[in-house]
C-alpha atoms as a PDB file:
ATOM      1  CA  UNK A   1      80.665 -65.149  73.009  1.00  0.00           C
ATOM      2  CA  UNK A   2      78.754 -67.640  70.846  1.00  0.00           C
ATOM      3  CA  UNK A   3      79.397 -67.165  67.145  1.00  0.00           C
ATOM      4  CA  UNK A   4      82.517 -64.993  67.376  1.00  0.00           C
ATOM      5  CA  UNK A   5      86.115 -65.514  68.339  1.00  0.00           C
ATOM      6  CA  UNK A   6      86.397 -67.834  71.320  1.00  0.00           C
ATOM      7  CA  UNK A   7      87.490 -66.772  74.776  1.00  0.00           C
ATOM      8  CA  UNK A   8      90.021 -68.285  77.137  1.00  0.00           C
ATOM      9  CA  UNK A   9      88.396 -68.322  80.566  1.00  0.00           C
ATOM     10  CA  UNK A  10      89.305 -69.529  84.028  1.00  0.00           C
ATOM     11  CA  UNK A  11      87.282 -72.477  85.295  1.00  0.00           C
ATOM     12  CA  UNK A  12      85.349 -70.152  87.636  1.00  0.00           C
ATOM     13  CA  UNK A  13      84.469 -67.817  84.757  1.00  0.00           C
ATOM     14  CA  UNK A  14      83.523 -70.751  82.572  1.00  0.00           C
ATOM     15  CA  UNK A  15      81.268 -72.231  85.275  1.00  0.00           C
ATOM     16  CA  UNK A  16      79.333 -68.939  85.374  1.00  0.00           C
ATOM     17  CA  UNK A  17      79.086 -68.894  81.585  1.00  0.00           C
ATOM     18  CA  UNK A  18      77.991 -72.548  81.552  1.00  0.00           C
ATOM     19  CA  UNK A  19      75.208 -71.767  84.017  1.00  0.00           C
ATOM     20  CA  UNK A  20      74.024 -68.849  81.849  1.00  0.00           C
ATOM     21  CA  UNK A  21      73.969 -71.155  78.817  1.00  0.00           C
ATOM     22  CA  UNK A  22      72.010 -73.756  80.805  1.00  0.00           C
ATOM     23  CA  UNK A  23      69.422 -71.148  81.840  1.00  0.00           C
ATOM     24  CA  UNK A  24      69.126 -70.078  78.182  1.00  0.00           C
ATOM     25  CA  UNK A  25      68.568 -73.740  77.145  1.00  0.00           C
ATOM     26  CA  UNK A  26      71.726 -73.751  75.004  1.00  0.00           C
ATOM     27  CA  UNK A  27      73.323 -77.140  74.313  1.00  0.00           C
ATOM     28  CA  UNK A  28      76.962 -77.164  75.403  1.00  0.00           C
ATOM     29  CA  UNK A  29      79.491 -79.500  73.793  1.00  0.00           C
ATOM     30  CA  UNK A  30      82.766 -80.247  75.587  1.00  0.00           C
ATOM     31  CA  UNK A  31      85.989 -81.817  74.444  1.00  0.00           C
ATOM     32  CA  UNK A  32      89.511 -81.882  75.779  1.00  0.00           C
ATOM     33  CA  UNK A  33      93.043 -82.615  74.722  1.00  0.00           C
ATOM     34  CA  UNK A  34      96.536 -81.300  74.140  1.00  0.00           C
ATOM     35  CA  UNK A  35      95.858 -79.752  70.703  1.00  0.00           C
ATOM     36  CA  UNK A  36      99.580 -79.247  70.122  1.00  0.00           C
ATOM     37  CA  UNK A  37     100.423 -78.242  66.525  1.00  0.00           C
ATOM     38  CA  UNK A  38      96.872 -77.853  65.252  1.00  0.00           C
ATOM     39  CA  UNK A  39      96.279 -79.814  62.038  1.00  0.00           C
ATOM     40  CA  UNK A  40      93.360 -80.604  59.677  1.00  0.00           C
ATOM     41  CA  UNK A  41      92.309 -83.605  61.772  1.00  0.00           C
ATOM     42  CA  UNK A  42      91.877 -81.328  64.796  1.00  0.00           C
ATOM     43  CA  UNK A  43      89.975 -78.718  62.776  1.00  0.00           C
ATOM     44  CA  UNK A  44      87.552 -81.250  61.248  1.00  0.00           C
ATOM     45  CA  UNK A  45      87.001 -82.840  64.650  1.00  0.00           C
ATOM     46  CA  UNK A  46      86.325 -79.502  66.372  1.00  0.00           C
ATOM     47  CA  UNK A  47      83.958 -78.399  63.594  1.00  0.00           C
ATOM     48  CA  UNK A  48      82.040 -81.676  63.907  1.00  0.00           C
ATOM     49  CA  UNK A  49      81.904 -81.284  67.696  1.00  0.00           C
ATOM     50  CA  UNK A  50      80.575 -77.717  67.436  1.00  0.00           C
ATOM     51  CA  UNK A  51      77.845 -78.793  64.988  1.00  0.00           C
ATOM     52  CA  UNK A  52      76.328 -80.933  67.765  1.00  0.00           C
ATOM     53  CA  UNK A  53      75.316 -77.996  69.957  1.00  0.00           C
ATOM     54  CA  UNK A  54      75.107 -74.261  70.530  1.00  0.00           C
ATOM     55  CA  UNK A  55      78.536 -73.741  72.131  1.00  0.00           C
ATOM     56  CA  UNK A  56      81.822 -75.645  72.148  1.00  0.00           C
ATOM     57  CA  UNK A  57      84.155 -75.686  75.139  1.00  0.00           C
ATOM     58  CA  UNK A  58      87.700 -76.969  74.569  1.00  0.00           C
ATOM     59  CA  UNK A  59      89.681 -77.885  77.679  1.00  0.00           C
ATOM     60  CA  UNK A  60      93.424 -77.835  77.045  1.00  0.00           C
ATOM     61  CA  UNK A  61      95.907 -79.838  79.076  1.00  0.00           C
ATOM     62  CA  UNK A  62      98.477 -77.585  80.743  1.00  0.00           C
ATOM     63  CA  UNK A  63     102.095 -77.766  79.604  1.00  0.00           C
ATOM     64  CA  UNK A  64     102.937 -79.836  82.698  1.00  0.00           C
ATOM     65  CA  UNK A  65     100.161 -82.314  81.946  1.00  0.00           C
ATOM     66  CA  UNK A  66     101.163 -82.584  78.268  1.00  0.00           C
ATOM     67  CA  UNK A  67     104.738 -83.448  79.318  1.00  0.00           C
ATOM     68  CA  UNK A  68     103.331 -86.142  81.607  1.00  0.00           C
ATOM     69  CA  UNK A  69     101.136 -87.533  78.824  1.00  0.00           C
ATOM     70  CA  UNK A  70     103.403 -87.162  75.793  1.00  0.00           C
ATOM     71  CA  UNK A  71     106.955 -87.004  77.164  1.00  0.00           C
ATOM     72  CA  UNK A  72     109.589 -84.348  77.900  1.00  0.00           C
ATOM     73  CA  UNK A  73     109.807 -82.989  74.327  1.00  0.00           C
ATOM     74  CA  UNK A  74     106.166 -81.919  74.301  1.00  0.00           C
ATOM     75  CA  UNK A  75     104.304 -79.665  74.027  1.00  0.00           C
ATOM     76  CA  UNK A  76     105.786 -77.885  71.031  1.00  0.00           C
ATOM     77  CA  UNK A  77     103.559 -74.845  71.655  1.00  0.00           C
ATOM     78  CA  UNK A  78     102.992 -73.458  75.156  1.00  0.00           C
ATOM     79  CA  UNK A  79      99.550 -73.626  76.747  1.00  0.00           C
ATOM     80  CA  UNK A  80      99.072 -69.906  76.050  1.00  0.00           C
ATOM     81  CA  UNK A  81      99.992 -70.374  72.376  1.00  0.00           C
ATOM     82  CA  UNK A  82      97.725 -73.420  72.055  1.00  0.00           C
ATOM     83  CA  UNK A  83      94.870 -71.495  73.683  1.00  0.00           C
ATOM     84  CA  UNK A  84      95.384 -68.569  71.296  1.00  0.00           C
ATOM     85  CA  UNK A  85      95.226 -70.863  68.259  1.00  0.00           C
ATOM     86  CA  UNK A  86      92.213 -72.835  69.539  1.00  0.00           C
ATOM     87  CA  UNK A  87      90.169 -69.740  70.453  1.00  0.00           C
ATOM     88  CA  UNK A  88      90.868 -68.204  67.023  1.00  0.00           C
ATOM     89  CA  UNK A  89      88.872 -71.005  65.394  1.00  0.00           C
ATOM     90  CA  UNK A  90      85.320 -69.956  64.584  1.00  0.00           C
ATOM     91  CA  UNK A  91      83.941 -73.262  65.868  1.00  0.00           C
ATOM     92  CA  UNK A  92      85.378 -72.824  69.390  1.00  0.00           C
ATOM     93  CA  UNK A  93      83.391 -70.661  71.786  1.00  0.00           C
ATOM     94  CA  UNK A  94      85.384 -71.150  74.991  1.00  0.00           C
ATOM     95  CA  UNK A  95      88.677 -72.630  76.107  1.00  0.00           C
ATOM     96  CA  UNK A  96      89.988 -73.442  79.550  1.00  0.00           C
ATOM     97  CA  UNK A  97      93.392 -74.772  80.617  1.00  0.00           C
ATOM     98  CA  UNK A  98      93.397 -77.583  83.171  1.00  0.00           C
ATOM     99  CA  UNK A  99      96.479 -78.791  85.019  1.00  0.00           C
ATOM    100  CA  UNK A 100      95.823 -82.518  85.086  1.00  0.00           C
ATOM    101  CA  UNK A 101      96.212 -85.512  82.790  1.00  0.00           C
ATOM    102  CA  UNK A 102      92.550 -86.312  83.447  1.00  0.00           C
ATOM    103  CA  UNK A 103      89.747 -83.893  82.537  1.00  0.00           C
ATOM    104  CA  UNK A 104      87.365 -85.472  85.083  1.00  0.00           C
ATOM    105  CA  UNK A 105      87.314 -82.548  87.554  1.00  0.00           C
ATOM    106  CA  UNK A 106      86.819 -80.015  84.741  1.00  0.00           C
ATOM    107  CA  UNK A 107      84.001 -82.088  83.241  1.00  0.00           C
ATOM    108  CA  UNK A 108      82.364 -82.421  86.671  1.00  0.00           C
ATOM    109  CA  UNK A 109      82.577 -78.659  87.195  1.00  0.00           C
ATOM    110  CA  UNK A 110      80.840 -77.944  83.868  1.00  0.00           C
ATOM    111  CA  UNK A 111      78.621 -81.002  83.204  1.00  0.00           C
ATOM    112  CA  UNK A 112      78.220 -80.430  79.467  1.00  0.00           C
ATOM    113  CA  UNK A 113      75.179 -81.626  77.554  1.00  0.00           C
ATOM    114  CA  UNK A 114      77.426 -83.471  75.114  1.00  0.00           C
ATOM    115  CA  UNK A 115      80.914 -84.847  75.798  1.00  0.00           C
ATOM    116  CA  UNK A 116      82.932 -85.789  72.711  1.00  0.00           C
ATOM    117  CA  UNK A 117      86.304 -87.329  71.966  1.00  0.00           C
ATOM    118  CA  UNK A 118      87.947 -88.449  68.738  1.00  0.00           C
ATOM    119  CA  UNK A 119      87.371 -91.883  67.270  1.00  0.00           C
ATOM    120  CA  UNK A 120      90.626 -93.163  68.728  1.00  0.00           C
ATOM    121  CA  UNK A 121      88.729 -93.118  72.063  1.00  0.00           C
ATOM    122  CA  UNK A 122      86.141 -95.859  72.523  1.00  0.00           C
ATOM    123  CA  UNK A 123      83.112 -94.892  74.620  1.00  0.00           C
ATOM    124  CA  UNK A 124      84.189 -97.069  77.544  1.00  0.00           C
ATOM    125  CA  UNK A 125      87.525 -95.165  77.753  1.00  0.00           C
ATOM    126  CA  UNK A 126      86.097 -91.629  77.668  1.00  0.00           C
ATOM    127  CA  UNK A 127      86.788 -89.967  81.005  1.00  0.00           C
ATOM    128  CA  UNK A 128      83.723 -88.248  82.444  1.00  0.00           C
ATOM    129  CA  UNK A 129      81.242 -90.441  80.578  1.00  0.00           C
ATOM    130  CA  UNK A 130      79.509 -91.740  83.706  1.00  0.00           C
ATOM    131  CA  UNK A 131      79.111 -88.267  85.208  1.00  0.00           C
ATOM    132  CA  UNK A 132      77.790 -86.672  82.012  1.00  0.00           C
ATOM    133  CA  UNK A 133      75.337 -89.508  81.350  1.00  0.00           C
ATOM    134  CA  UNK A 134      74.159 -89.463  84.988  1.00  0.00           C
ATOM    135  CA  UNK A 135      73.379 -85.752  84.566  1.00  0.00           C
ATOM    136  CA  UNK A 136      71.282 -86.504  81.458  1.00  0.00           C
ATOM    137  CA  UNK A 137      73.921 -85.697  78.844  1.00  0.00           C
ATOM    138  CA  UNK A 138      75.306 -87.854  76.076  1.00  0.00           C
ATOM    139  CA  UNK A 139      78.803 -89.013  75.183  1.00  0.00           C
ATOM    140  CA  UNK A 140      80.027 -89.507  71.626  1.00  0.00           C
ATOM    141  CA  UNK A 141      83.165 -90.725  69.898  1.00  0.00           C
ATOM    142  CA  UNK A 142      83.518 -88.782  66.637  1.00  0.00           C
ATOM    143  CA  UNK A 143      85.137 -90.292  63.532  1.00  0.00           C
ATOM    144  CA  UNK A 144      88.925 -90.312  63.592  1.00  0.00           C
ATOM    145  CA  UNK A 145      90.717 -88.525  60.744  1.00  0.00           C
ATOM    146  CA  UNK A 146      93.289 -91.008  59.446  1.00  0.00           C
ATOM    147  CA  UNK A 147      96.768 -90.025  58.385  1.00  0.00           C
ATOM    148  CA  UNK A 148      97.136 -86.807  60.382  1.00  0.00           C
ATOM    149  CA  UNK A 149      98.511 -86.526  63.896  1.00  0.00           C
ATOM    150  CA  UNK A 150     100.810 -84.187  65.783  1.00  0.00           C
ATOM    151  CA  UNK A 151     103.256 -87.048  66.397  1.00  0.00           C
ATOM    152  CA  UNK A 152     103.288 -87.792  62.651  1.00  0.00           C
ATOM    153  CA  UNK A 153     103.952 -84.123  61.818  1.00  0.00           C
ATOM    154  CA  UNK A 154     106.835 -84.016  64.311  1.00  0.00           C
ATOM    155  CA  UNK A 155     108.288 -87.203  62.775  1.00  0.00           C
ATOM    156  CA  UNK A 156     108.067 -85.657  59.284  1.00  0.00           C
ATOM    157  CA  UNK A 157     109.864 -82.523  60.483  1.00  0.00           C
ATOM    158  CA  UNK A 158     112.634 -84.601  62.076  1.00  0.00           C
ATOM    159  CA  UNK A 159     113.129 -86.492  58.782  1.00  0.00           C
ATOM    160  CA  UNK A 160     113.639 -83.182  56.947  1.00  0.00           C
ATOM    161  CA  UNK A 161     116.781 -82.374  58.927  1.00  0.00           C
END
């Protein structure tokens, strides 16, 4: 799937793909989040993440988990819609939906070579850091794109009414 349109896989399918990438000595980058209402900050972040390795996995919080994290009015887009948008990006190789507020179990199942989060996450707050580093991987906080966020976009839309 590397280099084309990304694929939404189950965790079991993705574990098999991850193992094949490991055997082929391909560097796998992993990130996670809600990715509700994709905006330029998300796109720049995902492109930067993909440039760090040979394949990018994006783990999306389920709708239930997004509501728990962001409140009852979110997500705006369903998990299926968010997965469709994310996998259409050329920089995303694989997506998986996880039904938890924490990505720890998903990260443990895949043990990526590189775990990344946006610059609003300091290294000491990145979930899965200890496990990835213990397995020989590295953890990075990529620069945050100022002035663009889903919450800000929603606020702008509400002001238009």
